Amino acid sequence: MRVAIVTESFPPVFNGVANSVVRVLETLKEQGHEAIVIAPTTPGKYFNGFRTYRVPSLPLFQFQLGLPNPLVSMILDDFEPDVVHAASPVLLGAQAVAWAWKNDVPAVAIFQTDIAAYAERYGFKLLRPLVDRAMANFHAGATINLAPTAEVKEYLEDLGLENVEVWGRGVDLELFHPDRKNSEVVTQMRKQFAPNGQKIVGFVGRLAAEKQVDRFSELFDIPNTTFVIVGDGPERLTLEQKFAGADVHFVGKRSGEDLANHYASFDAFVHFGTEETFGQTIQEAQAAGVPVLAPSAGGPKFLIESGVSGYLIDPDLTNGFTPVLAQLLADEALQAQIAEGGRRSVQDKSWSANNAKLLKFYASAMEMNKQNLLSELLVA
């Protein structure tokens, strides 16, 4: 199978869209498929053996927005894909979907970034209906649209899109594993963060306004607790200034084994953001055997069974996270119970299993496209 992946984010950019594309490429390589990548950023001409193409872009809401251009069509013409995979399509992805429609090639569009919500948060609330309409147009030509949760599926269908299915995200069950908690590296890390035996509460993610990391200050009255913030972004300096004097460690962006060890050092993972379409770091924490607290909004609602695999907290409740976290940290048996429930909840969500579903959606899109072409021939 020949797959053309057109993505709005790709390494060296590090975010959920880029990570999922990298994981899809790993699956395609393992199964012997051919692929190319077209993106606003690339680490070089090849990535994991696949040819990559960098296109012009401009910054928008702290993202690089790929710009449509004739090169994209030329690349797709030359590659002759069996299916086009548009990851979080905006202008660049929309061009790829339009090319696919024009050339009778099936397209699978993955909704991953709620641009309309970003516009609203960053002061453009009046533009939300226009952005919603634009997102619908970006996805409209796709053979199949994939949403990360049932809630997002309903949102896309409300925008008038058809053939919407749910495809979540996988998690690396070997990298993020509870066994790391007993390693020498993690033991030393805990001594560094908590020299007096404090409980460690962590967060992993981009330090941007929509993640609402500033709300960690609500938790600072919990005794014998230290906080570790993993990640970087435009809000880091502001957060460091706001948290000055508190027992908070900013460690910057981490990846691979280092990131997994940081998860393993946590006694609890807290995410305040209410605008997550999915919540990949929640799954990673669960896989690592770390109890999770997250808002009962957006993606977390579909990842956590409250009281079993984590806790869902009403985000509008003043200091609603504090008593739940305090109770959890004071009860090691409860921590172990919730950690086990979280790990169990992701056991069937390996990237291999997750991407097997994606390949089935590719096949479905190809079959649907074939049937549509056959119907057109019969009518003609």
Protein backbone atom coordinates (compact mmCIF):
# COMPACT_ATOMS: atom_id res chain seq x y z
CA MET A 1 0.00 0.00 0.00
CA ARG A 2 1.22 3.50 -0.83
CA VAL A 3 0.25 6.07 1.81
CA ALA A 4 0.75 9.82 1.47
CA ILE A 5 0.71 11.43 4.92
CA VAL A 6 0.07 15.15 4.90
CA THR A 7 0.40 16.49 8.42
CA GLU A 8 0.26 19.90 10.06
CA SER A 9 2.89 18.82 12.65
CA PHE A 10 5.98 16.66 12.35
CA PRO A 11 9.40 16.38 14.01
CA PRO A 12 11.38 18.23 15.13
CA VAL A 13 8.10 19.72 16.42
CA PHE A 14 6.93 17.70 19.42
CA ASN A 15 3.17 17.42 20.04
CA GLY A 16 0.36 14.90 19.89
CA VAL A 17 -0.18 15.17 16.14
CA ALA A 18 3.52 14.71 15.35
CA ASN A 19 3.84 11.80 17.76
CA SER A 20 0.86 9.95 16.31
CA VAL A 21 2.20 10.38 12.76
CA VAL A 22 5.58 8.99 13.83
CA ARG A 23 3.83 5.98 15.35
CA VAL A 24 1.80 5.42 12.18
CA LEU A 25 5.01 5.48 10.15
CA GLU A 26 6.51 2.85 12.45
CA THR A 27 3.53 0.58 11.75
CA LEU A 28 3.70 1.18 8.01
CA LYS A 29 7.41 0.32 7.99
CA GLU A 30 6.90 -2.83 10.07
CA GLN A 31 4.27 -4.06 7.61
CA GLY A 32 6.23 -3.18 4.47
CA HIS A 33 4.05 -0.35 3.16
CA GLU A 34 5.39 2.64 1.24
CA ALA A 35 4.82 6.18 2.48
CA ILE A 36 5.82 9.80 2.10
CA VAL A 37 5.33 12.71 4.49
CA ILE A 38 4.46 16.29 3.55
CA ALA A 39 4.69 18.74 6.46
CA PRO A 40 5.64 22.30 7.51
CA THR A 41 8.64 20.93 9.43
CA THR A 42 10.88 17.93 8.81
CA PRO A 43 14.14 16.74 10.42
CA GLY A 44 15.67 16.00 6.99
CA LYS A 45 14.92 14.47 3.60
CA TYR A 46 14.18 11.10 5.20
CA PHE A 47 12.57 9.98 8.43
CA ASN A 48 12.69 6.32 9.45
CA GLY A 49 13.41 5.47 5.82
CA PHE A 50 10.47 7.44 4.38
CA ARG A 51 10.89 10.45 2.09
CA THR A 52 9.74 13.71 3.64
CA TYR A 53 8.89 17.02 1.99
CA ARG A 54 8.92 20.36 3.79
CA VAL A 55 6.49 23.04 2.62
CA PRO A 56 6.22 26.78 3.43
CA SER A 57 4.40 27.70 6.63
CA LEU A 58 3.59 30.54 8.99
CA PRO A 59 3.03 30.60 12.78
CA LEU A 60 -0.55 30.50 14.10
CA PHE A 61 -1.50 30.03 17.79
CA GLN A 62 2.04 28.72 18.45
CA PHE A 63 1.75 26.20 15.61
CA GLN A 64 3.34 26.20 12.17
CA LEU A 65 0.49 26.46 9.68
CA GLY A 66 1.39 24.70 6.43
CA LEU A 67 0.50 26.72 3.35
CA PRO A 68 -1.05 25.23 0.21
CA ASN A 69 1.20 25.39 -2.84
CA PRO A 70 1.63 23.70 -6.24
CA LEU A 71 4.48 21.55 -4.89
CA VAL A 72 2.01 19.50 -2.83
CA SER A 73 0.00 18.48 -5.88
CA MET A 74 3.16 17.72 -7.82
CA ILE A 75 4.46 15.45 -5.04
CA LEU A 76 1.15 13.61 -4.80
CA ASP A 77 0.92 13.26 -8.59
CA ASP A 78 4.37 11.73 -8.68
CA PHE A 79 3.87 9.38 -5.70
CA GLU A 80 0.46 8.09 -6.85
CA PRO A 81 -0.82 7.10 -3.39
CA ASP A 82 -3.43 4.44 -2.75
CA VAL A 83 -4.71 6.54 0.16
CA VAL A 84 -4.11 10.05 1.51
CA HIS A 85 -3.81 10.42 5.29
CA ALA A 86 -4.50 14.03 6.36
CA ALA A 87 -3.39 14.51 9.97
CA SER A 88 -5.21 17.35 11.72
CA PRO A 89 -5.95 19.07 8.40
CA VAL A 90 -6.03 22.83 8.12
CA LEU A 91 -4.97 24.60 4.90
CA LEU A 92 -2.26 22.13 3.93
CA GLY A 93 -4.33 19.08 4.80
CA ALA A 94 -7.35 20.55 3.04
CA GLN A 95 -5.32 20.84 -0.16
CA ALA A 96 -4.36 17.18 0.11
CA VAL A 97 -7.97 16.13 0.68
CA ALA A 98 -9.05 18.23 -2.31
CA TRP A 99 -6.33 16.62 -4.45
CA ALA A 100 -7.54 13.18 -3.39
CA TRP A 101 -11.15 14.00 -4.28
CA LYS A 102 -10.15 15.42 -7.66
CA ASN A 103 -8.00 12.40 -8.50
CA ASP A 104 -10.39 9.69 -7.24
CA VAL A 105 -8.05 8.69 -4.43
CA PRO A 106 -9.53 7.82 -1.01
CA ALA A 107 -8.65 10.19 1.83
CA VAL A 108 -8.75 9.61 5.58
CA ALA A 109 -8.80 12.85 7.60
CA ILE A 110 -7.86 12.75 11.28
CA PHE A 111 -9.34 15.42 13.55
CA GLN A 112 -6.81 16.09 16.31
CA THR A 113 -6.63 19.83 17.01
CA ASP A 114 -9.67 21.95 17.91
CA ILE A 115 -8.62 25.13 16.12
CA ALA A 116 -11.98 26.73 16.88
CA ALA A 117 -11.40 26.30 20.62
CA TYR A 118 -7.93 27.82 20.29
CA ALA A 119 -9.38 30.82 18.48
CA GLU A 120 -11.93 31.29 21.26
CA ARG A 121 -9.32 31.01 24.05
CA TYR A 122 -6.93 33.44 22.41
CA GLY A 123 -9.46 36.23 22.13
CA PHE A 124 -11.25 35.51 18.87
CA LYS A 125 -14.54 34.19 20.25
CA LEU A 126 -16.59 35.94 17.56
CA LEU A 127 -14.69 34.01 14.92
CA ARG A 128 -15.67 30.61 16.33
CA PRO A 129 -18.59 30.02 13.90
CA LEU A 130 -16.35 30.92 10.96
CA VAL A 131 -13.57 28.62 12.16
CA ASP A 132 -16.08 25.80 12.73
CA ARG A 133 -17.32 26.24 9.18
CA ALA A 134 -13.76 26.27 7.87
CA MET A 135 -12.91 23.05 9.75
CA ALA A 136 -15.98 21.40 8.24
CA ASN A 137 -14.80 22.46 4.78
CA PHE A 138 -11.28 21.13 5.44
CA HIS A 139 -12.74 17.69 6.24
CA ALA A 140 -15.67 17.65 3.82
CA GLY A 141 -13.93 15.95 0.90
CA ALA A 142 -12.50 13.07 2.93
CA THR A 143 -13.78 9.56 2.33
CA ILE A 144 -13.64 8.85 6.08
CA ASN A 145 -13.17 11.31 8.94
CA LEU A 146 -11.73 10.00 12.20
CA ALA A 147 -12.49 11.59 15.58
CA PRO A 148 -10.55 10.82 18.78
CA THR A 149 -13.68 10.41 20.94
CA ALA A 150 -17.43 9.93 20.61
CA GLU A 151 -17.90 13.53 21.74
CA VAL A 152 -15.74 14.89 18.92
CA LYS A 153 -17.51 12.55 16.48
CA GLU A 154 -20.81 14.19 17.45
CA TYR A 155 -19.23 17.65 17.05
CA LEU A 156 -18.05 16.82 13.52
CA GLU A 157 -21.42 15.37 12.58
CA ASP A 158 -23.11 18.52 13.90
CA LEU A 159 -20.91 20.43 11.46
CA GLY A 160 -22.49 18.38 8.68
CA LEU A 161 -19.73 15.84 8.08
CA GLU A 162 -20.58 12.29 7.06
CA ASN A 163 -18.68 9.00 7.42
CA VAL A 164 -17.24 9.94 10.82
CA GLU A 165 -15.72 7.14 12.90
CA VAL A 166 -13.85 7.05 16.21
CA TRP A 167 -10.12 6.34 16.23
CA GLY A 168 -8.26 7.12 19.44
CA ARG A 169 -4.54 7.10 20.19
CA GLY A 170 -2.23 4.32 21.21
CA VAL A 171 0.28 4.30 24.05
CA ASP A 172 3.70 2.68 24.39
CA LEU A 173 3.02 0.03 27.03
CA GLU A 174 6.65 -1.04 27.21
CA LEU A 175 8.21 2.41 27.54
CA PHE A 176 5.64 3.61 30.07
CA HIS A 177 5.55 0.80 32.62
CA PRO A 178 5.08 0.55 36.41
CA ASP A 179 8.27 -1.52 36.74
CA ARG A 180 10.30 1.65 36.26
CA LYS A 181 9.28 2.84 39.71
CA ASN A 182 11.76 0.43 41.27
CA SER A 183 14.71 1.33 39.05
CA GLU A 184 17.85 3.02 40.40
CA VAL A 185 17.40 5.95 38.00
CA VAL A 186 13.91 6.71 39.31
CA THR A 187 14.98 6.21 42.91
CA GLN A 188 17.70 8.83 42.45
CA MET A 189 15.28 11.12 40.63
CA ARG A 190 12.85 10.95 43.56
CA LYS A 191 15.65 11.83 45.97
CA GLN A 192 16.45 14.85 43.82
CA PHE A 193 12.86 16.12 43.64
CA ALA A 194 11.80 15.07 47.13
CA PRO A 195 14.88 14.94 49.41
CA ASN A 196 12.67 14.95 52.49
CA GLY A 197 10.40 12.17 51.32
CA GLN A 198 7.66 14.42 49.93
CA LYS A 199 4.97 13.09 47.65
CA ILE A 200 5.59 14.05 44.01
CA VAL A 201 2.74 15.44 41.90
CA GLY A 202 3.54 15.85 38.22
CA PHE A 203 2.34 17.23 34.92
CA VAL A 204 3.56 16.56 31.38
CA GLY A 205 2.62 18.72 28.42
CA ARG A 206 3.03 21.97 26.52
CA LEU A 207 3.14 24.97 28.80
CA ALA A 208 0.45 26.95 27.03
CA ALA A 209 -2.58 28.82 28.32
CA GLU A 210 -5.07 26.13 27.30
CA LYS A 211 -3.35 23.56 29.54
CA GLN A 212 -4.28 25.69 32.59
CA VAL A 213 -1.12 24.73 34.46
CA ASP A 214 -1.47 27.95 36.46
CA ARG A 215 -4.17 26.15 38.48
CA PHE A 216 -1.49 24.02 40.14
CA SER A 217 -1.26 26.84 42.69
CA GLU A 218 -4.57 25.50 44.09
CA LEU A 219 -2.67 22.42 45.27
CA PHE A 220 0.21 24.11 47.07
CA ASP A 221 -1.45 23.90 50.50
CA ILE A 222 -1.30 20.10 50.48
CA PRO A 223 1.42 19.30 53.05
CA ASN A 224 4.59 17.33 52.34
CA THR A 225 4.16 17.64 48.56
CA THR A 226 6.44 18.75 45.74
CA PHE A 227 5.48 19.43 42.13
CA VAL A 228 7.29 18.54 38.90
CA ILE A 229 6.34 20.25 35.63
CA VAL A 230 7.64 18.46 32.52
CA GLY A 231 7.40 20.41 29.29
CA ASP A 232 8.08 23.75 27.70
CA GLY A 233 6.14 26.44 25.90
CA PRO A 234 5.12 30.09 25.82
CA GLU A 235 3.74 30.09 29.37
CA ARG A 236 6.85 28.71 31.07
CA LEU A 237 8.35 32.04 32.20
CA THR A 238 4.98 33.28 33.45
CA LEU A 239 4.42 30.07 35.40
CA GLU A 240 7.91 30.13 36.89
CA GLN A 241 7.28 33.67 38.10
CA LYS A 242 3.84 32.80 39.47
CA PHE A 243 5.14 29.73 41.30
CA ALA A 244 8.25 31.42 42.67
CA GLY A 245 8.76 30.37 46.30
CA ALA A 246 6.66 27.21 45.95
CA ASP A 247 8.15 23.71 45.88
CA VAL A 248 7.94 23.37 42.09
CA HIS A 249 10.52 21.93 39.69
CA PHE A 250 10.43 22.94 36.03
CA VAL A 251 12.49 20.36 34.13
CA GLY A 252 11.74 21.31 30.52
CA LYS A 253 10.79 19.04 27.64
CA ARG A 254 11.72 15.36 28.02
CA SER A 255 11.35 12.38 25.71
CA GLY A 256 11.98 8.65 25.43
CA GLU A 257 13.44 6.88 28.44
CA ASP A 258 13.95 10.16 30.27
CA LEU A 259 10.28 11.06 29.94
CA ALA A 260 9.21 7.58 31.05
CA ASN A 261 11.43 7.85 34.14
CA HIS A 262 9.87 11.19 35.06
CA TYR A 263 6.38 9.67 34.87
CA ALA A 264 7.58 6.79 37.06
CA SER A 265 8.82 9.25 39.69
CA PHE A 266 5.31 10.69 40.21
CA ASP A 267 2.94 9.67 43.00
CA ALA A 268 0.11 11.35 41.09
CA PHE A 269 -0.43 13.04 37.74
CA VAL A 270 -2.69 16.10 37.52
CA HIS A 271 -4.06 17.71 34.35
CA PHE A 272 -6.25 20.81 34.69
CA GLY A 273 -6.81 21.51 30.96
CA THR A 274 -10.46 21.41 29.88
CA GLU A 275 -9.85 21.71 26.13
CA GLU A 276 -8.16 18.38 25.38
CA THR A 277 -9.68 16.62 22.39
CA PHE A 278 -8.04 13.43 23.65
CA GLY A 279 -5.37 13.58 26.39
CA GLN A 280 -2.39 11.48 25.36
CA THR A 281 -0.33 12.25 28.48
CA ILE A 282 -3.17 10.87 30.60
CA GLN A 283 -2.82 7.52 28.83
CA GLU A 284 0.95 7.61 29.31
CA ALA A 285 0.56 8.26 33.03
CA GLN A 286 -1.96 5.42 33.31
CA ALA A 287 0.39 3.07 31.47
CA ALA A 288 3.18 4.10 33.85
CA GLY A 289 1.06 3.13 36.84
CA VAL A 290 0.50 6.68 38.07
CA PRO A 291 -2.92 7.73 39.47
CA VAL A 292 -4.44 10.51 37.35
CA LEU A 293 -6.69 13.46 38.22
CA ALA A 294 -8.23 15.32 35.28
CA PRO A 295 -11.27 17.49 34.53
CA SER A 296 -14.58 15.92 33.63
CA ALA A 297 -14.46 17.67 30.26
CA GLY A 298 -13.30 16.78 26.76
CA GLY A 299 -11.05 13.81 26.10
CA PRO A 300 -10.37 12.79 29.73
CA LYS A 301 -14.03 11.73 30.12
CA PHE A 302 -13.35 8.91 27.65
CA LEU A 303 -10.06 7.83 29.22
CA ILE A 304 -10.94 7.72 32.91
CA GLU A 305 -13.56 5.80 34.86
CA SER A 306 -13.66 8.00 37.94
CA GLY A 307 -12.68 6.16 41.09
CA VAL A 308 -11.43 3.18 39.10
CA SER A 309 -8.78 4.24 36.57
CA GLY A 310 -8.29 7.79 37.85
CA TYR A 311 -10.45 10.66 39.02
CA LEU A 312 -12.60 13.08 37.05
CA ILE A 313 -13.07 16.43 38.78
CA ASP A 314 -15.63 19.14 38.05
CA PRO A 315 -13.36 21.88 36.61
CA ASP A 316 -15.79 24.61 37.69
CA LEU A 317 -15.59 23.58 41.33
CA THR A 318 -13.31 25.92 43.27
CA ASN A 319 -10.34 23.92 44.56
CA GLY A 320 -12.17 20.75 43.53
CA PHE A 321 -8.94 18.88 42.82
CA THR A 322 -7.35 19.58 46.22
CA PRO A 323 -9.33 17.32 48.59
CA VAL A 324 -9.30 14.40 46.14
CA LEU A 325 -5.55 14.67 45.62
CA ALA A 326 -4.88 15.09 49.35
CA GLN A 327 -6.90 11.97 50.16
CA LEU A 328 -5.14 10.00 47.42
CA LEU A 329 -1.63 11.00 48.54
CA ALA A 330 -2.43 10.09 52.15
CA ASP A 331 -3.51 6.55 51.27
CA GLU A 332 -0.87 4.32 49.63
CA ALA A 333 -3.32 1.45 49.22
CA LEU A 334 -5.69 3.74 47.31
CA GLN A 335 -2.81 4.97 45.15
CA ALA A 336 -1.93 1.38 44.25
CA GLN A 337 -5.57 0.54 43.50
CA ILE A 338 -6.11 3.51 41.18
CA ALA A 339 -2.71 2.99 39.54
CA GLU A 340 -3.59 -0.63 38.77
CA GLY A 341 -6.96 0.42 37.38
CA GLY A 342 -5.31 2.98 35.14
CA ARG A 343 -2.78 0.50 33.80
CA ARG A 344 -5.52 -2.05 33.19
CA SER A 345 -7.58 0.52 31.26
CA VAL A 346 -4.86 0.95 28.60
CA GLN A 347 -3.70 -2.66 28.28
CA ASP A 348 -5.46 -3.06 24.93
CA LYS A 349 -4.32 0.32 23.57
CA SER A 350 -0.82 -0.39 22.31
CA TRP A 351 0.20 1.56 19.23
CA SER A 352 0.28 -1.70 17.31
CA ALA A 353 -3.34 -2.49 18.18
CA ASN A 354 -4.42 1.11 17.66
CA ASN A 355 -2.80 1.42 14.24
CA ALA A 356 -4.22 -1.91 13.12
CA LYS A 357 -7.59 -0.17 13.37
CA LEU A 358 -6.28 2.71 11.27
CA LEU A 359 -5.16 0.35 8.51
CA LYS A 360 -8.67 -1.10 8.49
CA PHE A 361 -10.02 2.42 8.00
CA TYR A 362 -7.59 2.83 5.08
CA ALA A 363 -8.98 -0.38 3.57
CA SER A 364 -12.57 0.75 4.17
CA ALA A 365 -11.86 4.10 2.50
CA MET A 366 -10.33 2.34 -0.51
CA GLU A 367 -13.34 0.03 -0.79
CA MET A 368 -15.79 2.93 -0.43
CA ASN A 369 -13.94 4.83 -3.12
CA LYS A 370 -14.01 1.81 -5.43
CA GLN A 371 -17.76 1.42 -4.92
CA ASN A 372 -18.34 5.12 -5.61
CA LEU A 373 -16.36 4.94 -8.84
CA LEU A 374 -18.28 1.83 -9.88
CA SER A 375 -21.61 3.56 -9.19
CA GLU A 376 -20.55 6.55 -11.28
CA LEU A 377 -19.59 4.25 -14.17
CA LEU A 378 -22.94 2.46 -14.00
CA VAL A 379 -24.83 5.74 -14.00
CA ALA A 380 -22.79 6.98 -16.94
